[in-house]
Amino acid sequence: MKNDHLSDITFESLGLTPTLLEGLKEAGFTHCTPIQAGTLPVVLKGGDVAGQAQTGTGKSAAFLLATMHHLMENPVEEGRYGPWAMVLAPTRELAIQIHKDAQLLGKRTGLFTEAVYGGTGYESQRRELEQGVDIIIGTPGRIIDFYKQRVFSLNNIEVVVLDEADRMFDLGFINDIRYLLRRMPPPSERINMLFSATLSHRVMELAYEHMNDPKVVKVEAEQVTADKVRQKLYHVSTDEKMQLLIGTLNHQDPHRTIIFINTKRMADQVMAYLLGNGFEAAVLSGDIAQRKREQLLKKFQDGELPILVATDVAARGLHIPGVSHVINFDLPQDAEDYVHRIGRTARAGASGDAISFACEEYVYSLPDIEGYIEQKIPTAPVTEELLPDLKPPAKLERRSPPSRGGGGKRSGSGGNRGRGSGPRRRSPSSKPNSPSPKE
């Protein structure tokens, strides 16, 4: 893997706490990415940051390292209990990924982190929170649910992170975010970090309302993935899109390909044709049960599943190395989503291919997309060999609805509770401070 996506700044030069440097060394990380180089020096000195960066640029490591450094370097008196830090993410997939990164980077710190998200694991998550945690990583709805039940307190939060803030707005979470932030200590008494693909007016308004004069750090999209992604566009009729998809896959090596669809109904139809024409594939969408989603993602990451058919639930927050192709079967209706989709490939300095189909239903999005990325997407002709005769679609099993409430796989702690060579900063409490939710 090339390292031209890295800066000249080493983690060792930043003054990180020794246990974090040990974790970085074991993980093989030596130099900062641009977003890490821009934000870490600010936050390690106690400042707030609003960072603009796409996924796949190392921003999770930036805010996790800053958070854990602060907790390890600032002990607290006896009788006070966590959580001490909270990371808010828009999707459960992103929350799970951040939790995995925290396990990796913080394995030597002894800090205990818990992933809190909807769809599964209700009782197991509750039990872990009741035992006491240092860092909560999760989605707003499930966190608020537990908070209102007085499972934990927000009185002692010292660090708060909003990841993919623009997506929080898109998914309607902004009122939940404000609900939580207003019940924490005031901005001047905590470290605040916000990361977003775009620092739009609404995002910056949120930053200035709930942060302490944050420094703005921008890593432009073209510095991240655009120059590493080989983009291609086909103008095709809606009736020929399925043939073009099969023909395109016949001429590629789809060993790890994500196909993006705008609707769940079409996602099922695409998967049926893929299975009927000899391609192994599975659908990842919002109505898939959480446990099955995690199983599918693991199979895809491990190379056991070559093709993932996904709605935009998978467009952000998934760190899956080695994705060779992204195919936009449907052009996204939001220009920013195009960048997030193609950002699933060409991660961490690698290269990849992004192929898009512009049909009469979604071609109207193309001018906005090209305006947003400030370039024309190269077009290619639809030749006869790219339009093979199709075999009938496979019959799909009827999908069962996702389960709710308790049961399911516990989110896990990563084995960090009271372990590791570094001293544990704060011991968990069997009885966290009783919060007083302001309903």
Protein backbone atom coordinates (compact mmCIF):
# COMPACT_ATOMS: atom_id res chain seq x y z
CA MET A 1 0.00 0.00 0.00
CA LYS A 2 1.29 3.43 -0.86
CA ASN A 3 1.81 5.92 1.92
CA ASP A 4 1.37 9.09 -0.14
CA HIS A 5 -1.85 9.75 1.79
CA LEU A 6 0.21 10.39 4.93
CA SER A 7 1.81 13.58 6.21
CA ASP A 8 5.36 14.05 7.47
CA ILE A 9 4.17 14.38 11.09
CA THR A 10 4.75 11.33 13.27
CA PHE A 11 2.51 10.31 16.15
CA GLU A 12 5.60 10.12 18.35
CA SER A 13 6.24 13.84 17.86
CA LEU A 14 2.82 14.85 19.22
CA GLY A 15 3.43 13.98 22.86
CA LEU A 16 0.73 11.31 23.08
CA THR A 17 0.51 9.33 26.31
CA PRO A 18 2.85 6.29 26.19
CA THR A 19 0.11 3.64 26.28
CA LEU A 20 -1.45 5.13 23.14
CA LEU A 21 1.92 5.16 21.38
CA GLU A 22 2.27 1.47 22.24
CA GLY A 23 -1.11 0.76 20.68
CA LEU A 24 -0.25 2.75 17.56
CA LYS A 25 3.07 0.95 17.21
CA GLU A 26 1.43 -2.47 17.53
CA ALA A 27 -1.15 -1.46 14.92
CA GLY A 28 1.62 -0.35 12.55
CA PHE A 29 0.76 3.37 12.51
CA THR A 30 3.66 5.82 12.53
CA HIS A 31 2.64 8.94 10.55
CA CYS A 32 -0.49 11.08 10.67
CA THR A 33 -2.95 11.52 7.84
CA PRO A 34 -3.68 15.17 6.93
CA ILE A 35 -6.80 15.40 9.11
CA GLN A 36 -4.92 13.89 12.05
CA ALA A 37 -1.99 16.26 11.53
CA GLY A 38 -4.37 19.21 11.42
CA THR A 39 -6.57 18.38 14.40
CA LEU A 40 -4.49 16.45 16.94
CA PRO A 41 -2.07 19.29 17.87
CA VAL A 42 -5.07 21.54 18.57
CA VAL A 43 -7.06 19.09 20.67
CA LEU A 44 -4.06 17.76 22.59
CA LYS A 45 -3.61 21.32 23.88
CA GLY A 46 -7.25 21.41 25.00
CA GLY A 47 -8.76 23.25 22.03
CA ASP A 48 -11.94 22.47 20.11
CA VAL A 49 -11.94 21.57 16.41
CA ALA A 50 -14.44 21.46 13.55
CA GLY A 51 -12.90 19.18 10.95
CA GLN A 52 -13.94 18.71 7.35
CA ALA A 53 -12.91 15.35 5.95
CA GLN A 54 -14.39 12.41 4.09
CA THR A 55 -14.53 8.91 5.54
CA GLY A 56 -11.40 6.85 5.05
CA THR A 57 -9.06 9.71 6.03
CA GLY A 58 -8.30 8.65 9.59
CA LYS A 59 -10.64 11.04 11.39
CA SER A 60 -11.87 8.31 13.76
CA ALA A 61 -8.32 7.74 14.96
CA ALA A 62 -7.88 11.50 15.34
CA PHE A 63 -10.75 11.98 17.76
CA LEU A 64 -10.22 8.67 19.56
CA LEU A 65 -6.55 9.39 20.21
CA ALA A 66 -7.37 12.91 21.42
CA THR A 67 -10.15 11.61 23.67
CA MET A 68 -8.15 8.80 25.25
CA HIS A 69 -5.08 11.01 25.68
CA HIS A 70 -7.14 13.50 27.66
CA LEU A 71 -8.65 10.80 29.88
CA MET A 72 -5.29 9.18 30.59
CA GLU A 73 -3.51 12.45 31.31
CA ASN A 74 -6.17 13.97 33.56
CA PRO A 75 -6.99 11.78 36.57
CA VAL A 76 -10.06 12.51 38.67
CA GLU A 77 -10.70 12.40 42.37
CA GLU A 78 -12.27 9.43 44.12
CA GLY A 79 -16.04 9.27 44.24
CA ARG A 80 -16.72 10.52 40.73
CA TYR A 81 -17.81 8.15 38.02
CA GLY A 82 -18.08 8.13 34.24
CA PRO A 83 -18.89 8.09 31.46
CA TRP A 84 -16.28 10.73 30.78
CA ALA A 85 -16.53 10.93 27.00
CA MET A 86 -19.18 10.40 24.34
CA VAL A 87 -18.86 9.84 20.60
CA LEU A 88 -22.10 10.35 18.65
CA ALA A 89 -22.47 8.74 15.22
CA PRO A 90 -25.40 8.79 12.76
CA THR A 91 -25.53 5.05 12.02
CA ARG A 92 -25.01 1.84 13.93
CA GLU A 93 -22.49 0.64 11.34
CA LEU A 94 -20.35 3.70 12.00
CA ALA A 95 -20.72 3.31 15.77
CA ILE A 96 -19.57 -0.31 15.53
CA GLN A 97 -16.59 0.66 13.40
CA ILE A 98 -15.53 3.46 15.75
CA HIS A 99 -15.80 1.03 18.66
CA LYS A 100 -13.51 -1.42 16.86
CA ASP A 101 -11.01 1.38 16.25
CA ALA A 102 -11.18 2.31 19.94
CA GLN A 103 -10.46 -1.29 20.91
CA LEU A 104 -7.41 -1.32 18.66
CA LEU A 105 -5.94 2.04 19.62
CA GLY A 106 -6.81 1.87 23.31
CA LYS A 107 -5.93 -1.75 24.04
CA ARG A 108 -3.09 -0.68 26.36
CA THR A 109 -4.92 2.09 28.19
CA GLY A 110 -7.32 0.06 30.31
CA LEU A 111 -10.14 2.42 29.34
CA PHE A 112 -13.48 0.73 28.90
CA THR A 113 -15.60 1.64 25.88
CA GLU A 114 -19.11 0.50 25.01
CA ALA A 115 -20.95 0.64 21.67
CA VAL A 116 -24.60 1.66 22.12
CA TYR A 117 -26.93 1.43 19.12
CA GLY A 118 -30.40 0.28 18.14
CA GLY A 119 -31.52 -2.89 16.43
CA THR A 120 -30.06 -5.46 18.82
CA GLY A 121 -28.34 -6.05 22.13
CA TYR A 122 -30.62 -3.90 24.27
CA GLU A 123 -30.19 -5.76 27.55
CA SER A 124 -26.49 -6.50 27.07
CA GLN A 125 -25.77 -2.84 26.34
CA ARG A 126 -27.76 -1.81 29.39
CA ARG A 127 -25.84 -4.20 31.64
CA GLU A 128 -22.48 -2.91 30.42
CA LEU A 129 -23.52 0.70 31.00
CA GLU A 130 -24.78 -0.11 34.48
CA GLN A 131 -21.39 -1.55 35.38
CA GLY A 132 -19.73 1.72 34.39
CA VAL A 133 -17.89 2.83 31.26
CA ASP A 134 -15.31 5.45 30.38
CA ILE A 135 -16.37 6.18 26.79
CA ILE A 136 -19.79 5.70 25.20
CA ILE A 137 -19.83 5.36 21.40
CA GLY A 138 -23.23 5.21 19.79
CA THR A 139 -26.27 6.54 18.01
CA PRO A 140 -28.38 9.29 19.60
CA GLY A 141 -31.70 7.45 19.93
CA ARG A 142 -30.49 4.45 21.94
CA ILE A 143 -28.23 6.66 24.08
CA ILE A 144 -31.15 8.94 24.96
CA ASP A 145 -33.29 5.89 25.75
CA PHE A 146 -30.79 4.67 28.37
CA TYR A 147 -30.18 8.19 29.68
CA LYS A 148 -33.87 8.80 30.33
CA GLN A 149 -33.94 5.52 32.27
CA ARG A 150 -31.10 6.88 34.42
CA VAL A 151 -28.75 4.08 33.40
CA PHE A 152 -25.89 6.60 33.29
CA SER A 153 -25.26 10.29 33.89
CA LEU A 154 -24.04 13.05 31.59
CA ASN A 155 -22.85 15.20 34.50
CA ASN A 156 -19.16 14.31 34.13
CA ILE A 157 -18.71 14.34 30.35
CA GLU A 158 -15.32 15.93 29.57
CA VAL A 159 -15.02 15.12 25.86
CA VAL A 160 -17.76 14.99 23.23
CA VAL A 161 -17.39 14.09 19.55
CA LEU A 162 -19.95 14.56 16.77
CA ASP A 163 -18.97 12.43 13.80
CA GLU A 164 -20.49 13.04 10.36
CA ALA A 165 -22.52 15.99 11.60
CA ASP A 166 -23.98 16.66 8.16
CA ARG A 167 -25.43 13.15 8.14
CA MET A 168 -26.97 13.85 11.56
CA PHE A 169 -29.00 16.61 9.92
CA ASP A 170 -29.95 14.42 6.96
CA LEU A 171 -31.26 11.67 9.23
CA GLY A 172 -33.19 14.06 11.48
CA PHE A 173 -31.04 13.52 14.58
CA ILE A 174 -30.20 17.14 15.25
CA ASN A 175 -32.82 17.62 17.98
CA ASP A 176 -31.54 14.50 19.73
CA ILE A 177 -28.00 15.85 19.52
CA ARG A 178 -29.02 19.13 21.09
CA TYR A 179 -30.96 17.27 23.79
CA LEU A 180 -27.79 15.45 24.86
CA LEU A 181 -25.41 18.38 24.55
CA ARG A 182 -27.60 20.61 26.71
CA ARG A 183 -27.47 18.07 29.53
CA MET A 184 -23.69 17.87 29.59
CA PRO A 185 -21.37 20.35 31.30
CA PRO A 186 -21.17 23.64 29.33
CA PRO A 187 -18.89 23.81 26.26
CA SER A 188 -16.22 25.75 28.16
CA GLU A 189 -15.86 22.84 30.60
CA ARG A 190 -15.30 20.11 28.05
CA ILE A 191 -13.34 19.36 24.86
CA ASN A 192 -15.55 19.37 21.76
CA MET A 193 -14.81 17.84 18.37
CA LEU A 194 -17.04 17.92 15.29
CA PHE A 195 -16.31 16.19 12.00
CA SER A 196 -18.31 16.49 8.80
CA ALA A 197 -17.90 15.90 5.08
CA THR A 198 -19.00 19.50 4.56
CA LEU A 199 -18.87 22.38 7.02
CA SER A 200 -22.11 23.88 5.78
CA HIS A 201 -23.87 26.82 7.40
CA ARG A 202 -26.12 24.55 9.47
CA VAL A 203 -23.17 22.47 10.66
CA MET A 204 -21.13 25.52 11.66
CA GLU A 205 -24.15 27.00 13.42
CA LEU A 206 -24.27 23.84 15.52
CA ALA A 207 -20.52 24.09 16.13
CA TYR A 208 -20.64 27.67 17.36
CA GLU A 209 -23.71 27.00 19.51
CA HIS A 210 -22.30 24.00 21.38
CA MET A 211 -18.51 24.38 21.08
CA ASN A 212 -15.87 26.68 22.49
CA ASP A 213 -14.57 28.75 19.53
CA PRO A 214 -13.49 25.71 17.48
CA LYS A 215 -10.58 25.86 15.07
CA VAL A 216 -11.70 24.90 11.56
CA VAL A 217 -9.51 22.27 9.88
CA LYS A 218 -10.34 21.31 6.29
CA VAL A 219 -9.06 18.45 4.19
CA GLU A 220 -10.57 18.94 0.76
CA ALA A 221 -12.24 16.01 -0.98
CA GLU A 222 -9.85 16.07 -3.92
CA GLN A 223 -6.98 15.51 -1.52
CA VAL A 224 -8.66 12.42 -0.22
CA THR A 225 -10.10 10.09 -2.85
CA ALA A 226 -11.02 11.83 -6.09
CA ASP A 227 -7.55 11.57 -7.57
CA LYS A 228 -7.33 7.88 -6.59
CA VAL A 229 -10.69 6.82 -8.02
CA ARG A 230 -10.99 5.95 -11.70
CA GLN A 231 -14.47 7.28 -12.46
CA LYS A 232 -16.60 6.20 -15.41
CA LEU A 233 -20.15 7.03 -16.47
CA TYR A 234 -22.55 5.20 -18.79
CA HIS A 235 -25.65 6.88 -20.20
CA VAL A 236 -28.17 4.05 -20.36
CA SER A 237 -31.93 3.58 -20.55
CA THR A 238 -33.68 2.28 -17.46
CA ASP A 239 -34.72 -0.87 -19.35
CA GLU A 240 -31.09 -1.76 -20.11
CA LYS A 241 -29.55 -1.04 -16.71
CA MET A 242 -29.76 -4.62 -15.47
CA GLN A 243 -28.09 -5.93 -18.65
CA LEU A 244 -25.39 -3.28 -18.32
CA LEU A 245 -24.76 -4.26 -14.71
CA ILE A 246 -24.28 -7.94 -15.57
CA GLY A 247 -22.18 -7.03 -18.62
CA THR A 248 -20.00 -4.71 -16.54
CA LEU A 249 -19.42 -7.37 -13.89
CA ASN A 250 -18.58 -9.91 -16.62
CA HIS A 251 -15.76 -7.61 -17.74
CA GLN A 252 -14.46 -6.84 -14.24
CA ASP A 253 -13.02 -8.82 -11.36
CA PRO A 254 -15.75 -8.14 -8.78
CA HIS A 255 -13.96 -9.76 -5.85
CA ARG A 256 -15.07 -6.95 -3.52
CA THR A 257 -17.71 -4.74 -5.12
CA ILE A 258 -20.42 -2.51 -3.65
CA ILE A 259 -23.43 -1.76 -5.85
CA PHE A 260 -25.44 1.24 -4.67
CA ILE A 261 -29.21 1.39 -5.21
CA ASN A 262 -31.60 4.16 -4.21
CA THR A 263 -34.52 1.98 -3.03
CA LYS A 264 -34.86 -1.26 -1.08
CA ARG A 265 -37.27 -2.68 -3.66
CA MET A 266 -34.74 -2.24 -6.46
CA ALA A 267 -31.97 -3.62 -4.25
CA ASP A 268 -33.87 -6.91 -3.95
CA GLN A 269 -34.51 -6.95 -7.69
CA VAL A 270 -30.83 -6.37 -8.48
CA MET A 271 -29.74 -9.12 -6.09
CA ALA A 272 -32.23 -11.55 -7.65
CA TYR A 273 -30.77 -10.94 -11.12
CA LEU A 274 -27.21 -11.21 -9.80
CA LEU A 275 -27.95 -14.58 -8.19
CA GLY A 276 -29.81 -15.76 -11.29
CA ASN A 277 -26.85 -14.85 -13.49
CA GLY A 278 -24.15 -16.56 -11.47
CA PHE A 279 -22.96 -13.84 -9.10
CA GLU A 280 -22.93 -14.32 -5.33
CA ALA A 281 -24.39 -11.25 -3.64
CA ALA A 282 -26.36 -10.02 -0.63
CA VAL A 283 -28.39 -6.91 0.20
CA LEU A 284 -27.49 -4.46 2.96
CA SER A 285 -30.35 -2.07 3.72
CA GLY A 286 -32.16 -0.51 6.65
CA ASP A 287 -34.68 -3.32 7.13
CA ILE A 288 -32.07 -6.05 7.56
CA ALA A 289 -31.84 -7.29 11.15
CA GLN A 290 -28.75 -5.97 12.92
CA ARG A 291 -27.21 -9.36 13.60
CA LYS A 292 -27.55 -10.35 9.94
CA ARG A 293 -26.08 -7.02 8.85
CA GLU A 294 -23.02 -7.62 10.98
CA GLN A 295 -22.68 -11.15 9.59
CA LEU A 296 -22.95 -9.89 5.99
CA LEU A 297 -20.37 -7.18 6.58
CA LYS A 298 -17.95 -9.66 8.12
CA LYS A 299 -18.33 -12.03 5.17
CA PHE A 300 -17.76 -9.11 2.80
CA GLN A 301 -14.71 -7.92 4.72
CA ASP A 302 -13.31 -11.44 4.88
CA GLY A 303 -13.71 -11.93 1.12
CA GLU A 304 -16.35 -14.65 1.44
CA LEU A 305 -19.01 -12.44 -0.17
CA PRO A 306 -17.83 -10.70 -3.37
CA ILE A 307 -20.75 -8.33 -4.00
CA LEU A 308 -22.76 -6.19 -1.61
CA VAL A 309 -25.93 -4.52 -2.92
CA ALA A 310 -26.49 -1.53 -0.65
CA THR A 311 -28.76 1.39 -0.08
CA ASP A 312 -27.19 4.52 1.35
CA VAL A 313 -27.24 3.02 4.83
CA ALA A 314 -23.81 1.68 3.82
CA ALA A 315 -22.53 4.82 2.12
CA ARG A 316 -20.90 6.23 5.23
CA GLY A 317 -18.91 4.97 8.13
CA LEU A 318 -17.88 1.55 6.81
CA HIS A 319 -14.16 0.99 6.78
CA ILE A 320 -13.76 -1.98 4.46
CA PRO A 321 -10.25 -2.23 3.04
CA GLY A 322 -9.70 -3.49 -0.47
CA VAL A 323 -13.03 -2.54 -2.08
CA SER A 324 -12.08 -2.74 -5.75
CA HIS A 325 -15.25 -1.39 -7.39
CA VAL A 326 -18.17 0.83 -6.53
CA ILE A 327 -21.07 0.75 -8.99
CA ASN A 328 -23.78 3.38 -8.79
CA PHE A 329 -26.63 1.41 -10.34
CA ASP A 330 -28.71 4.47 -9.50
CA LEU A 331 -27.13 7.91 -9.40
CA PRO A 332 -27.64 9.35 -5.91
CA GLN A 333 -30.11 12.18 -5.62
CA ASP A 334 -27.77 14.12 -3.31
CA ALA A 335 -24.45 15.21 -4.81
CA GLU A 336 -22.60 14.72 -1.50
CA ASP A 337 -23.72 11.10 -1.40
CA TYR A 338 -21.84 10.48 -4.65
CA VAL A 339 -18.57 11.37 -2.93
CA HIS A 340 -19.41 9.21 0.07
CA ARG A 341 -20.31 6.28 -2.15
CA ILE A 342 -17.18 6.34 -4.29
CA GLY A 343 -15.19 6.88 -1.09
CA ARG A 344 -15.87 3.23 -0.20
CA THR A 345 -13.05 2.44 -2.62
CA ALA A 346 -9.62 4.07 -2.90
CA ARG A 347 -9.19 4.21 0.85
CA ALA A 348 -5.96 4.85 2.72
CA GLY A 349 -3.99 5.75 -0.37
CA ALA A 350 -5.14 2.84 -2.52
CA SER A 351 -6.88 3.18 -5.89
CA GLY A 352 -10.22 1.89 -7.12
CA ASP A 353 -12.94 2.11 -9.76
CA ALA A 354 -16.27 3.92 -9.55
CA ILE A 355 -18.76 3.15 -12.33
CA SER A 356 -22.05 5.04 -12.56
CA PHE A 357 -25.18 4.48 -14.63
CA ALA A 358 -27.12 7.60 -15.67
CA CYS A 359 -30.65 6.59 -16.67
CA GLU A 360 -33.61 8.81 -17.51
CA GLU A 361 -34.93 8.52 -13.93
CA TYR A 362 -31.83 9.78 -12.13
CA VAL A 363 -29.76 11.61 -14.75
CA TYR A 364 -31.09 14.92 -13.44
CA SER A 365 -28.68 14.50 -10.49
CA LEU A 366 -25.64 14.47 -12.77
CA PRO A 367 -25.14 18.27 -13.15
CA ASP A 368 -25.21 18.73 -9.38
CA ILE A 369 -22.78 15.86 -8.86
CA GLU A 370 -20.31 17.16 -11.42
CA GLY A 371 -20.66 20.65 -10.01
CA TYR A 372 -19.98 19.39 -6.51
CA ILE A 373 -16.84 17.43 -7.46
CA GLU A 374 -15.81 20.22 -9.86
CA GLN A 375 -15.09 17.87 -12.74
CA LYS A 376 -16.86 16.05 -15.55
CA ILE A 377 -17.14 12.31 -15.03
CA PRO A 378 -15.58 10.56 -18.05
CA THR A 379 -18.20 8.79 -20.16
CA ALA A 380 -17.90 5.47 -21.95
CA PRO A 381 -20.06 3.98 -24.72
CA VAL A 382 -22.55 1.20 -24.01
CA THR A 383 -21.45 -1.50 -26.46
CA GLU A 384 -23.31 -4.67 -27.41
CA GLU A 385 -20.93 -6.86 -25.44
CA LEU A 386 -21.92 -4.95 -22.32
CA LEU A 387 -25.58 -5.89 -22.85
CA PRO A 388 -25.72 -9.71 -22.62
CA ASP A 389 -28.89 -11.74 -22.62
CA LEU A 390 -30.05 -12.18 -19.05
CA LYS A 391 -31.05 -15.34 -17.27
CA PRO A 392 -34.20 -15.11 -15.14
CA PRO A 393 -33.83 -13.67 -11.65
CA ALA A 394 -33.54 -16.05 -8.72
CA LYS A 395 -36.46 -16.39 -6.32
CA LEU A 396 -35.65 -14.71 -3.03
CA GLU A 397 -36.70 -15.88 0.39
CA ARG A 398 -39.18 -13.58 2.06
CA ARG A 399 -37.31 -11.24 4.36
CA SER A 400 -38.24 -11.34 8.04
CA PRO A 401 -38.47 -8.01 9.86
CA PRO A 402 -35.60 -7.00 12.17
CA SER A 403 -35.98 -7.94 15.80
CA ARG A 404 -36.45 -5.30 18.45
CA GLY A 405 -35.54 -5.03 22.08
CA GLY A 406 -33.37 -7.45 24.03
CA GLY A 407 -31.33 -10.41 22.95
CA GLY A 408 -28.87 -10.53 20.13
CA LYS A 409 -25.13 -10.27 20.19
CA ARG A 410 -23.66 -8.07 22.87
CA SER A 411 -21.70 -5.13 21.56
CA GLY A 412 -18.69 -6.13 23.57
CA SER A 413 -15.99 -4.25 25.39
CA GLY A 414 -12.95 -5.46 23.52
CA GLY A 415 -11.62 -7.08 26.66
CA ASN A 416 -10.36 -3.76 27.99
CA ARG A 417 -12.12 -3.78 31.36
CA GLY A 418 -9.32 -3.47 33.90
CA ARG A 419 -6.74 -5.00 31.56
CA GLY A 420 -3.72 -3.76 29.65
CA SER A 421 -0.28 -2.60 30.70
CA GLY A 422 -1.38 0.97 31.33
CA PRO A 423 -3.16 2.01 34.51
CA ARG A 424 -6.92 2.24 34.37
CA ARG A 425 -7.85 5.89 34.61
CA ARG A 426 -11.25 5.51 36.19
CA SER A 427 -12.84 2.49 37.80
CA PRO A 428 -16.39 1.69 36.75
CA SER A 429 -19.15 2.16 39.26
CA SER A 430 -21.89 -0.34 39.93
CA LYS A 431 -24.06 2.67 40.69
CA PRO A 432 -23.32 5.57 38.32
CA ASN A 433 -24.30 9.06 39.36
CA SER A 434 -28.06 9.28 39.13
CA PRO A 435 -28.88 11.66 36.30
CA SER A 436 -31.75 14.07 36.44
CA PRO A 437 -33.13 14.18 32.90
CA LYS A 438 -34.88 17.41 32.07
CA GLU A 439 -37.88 16.15 30.19
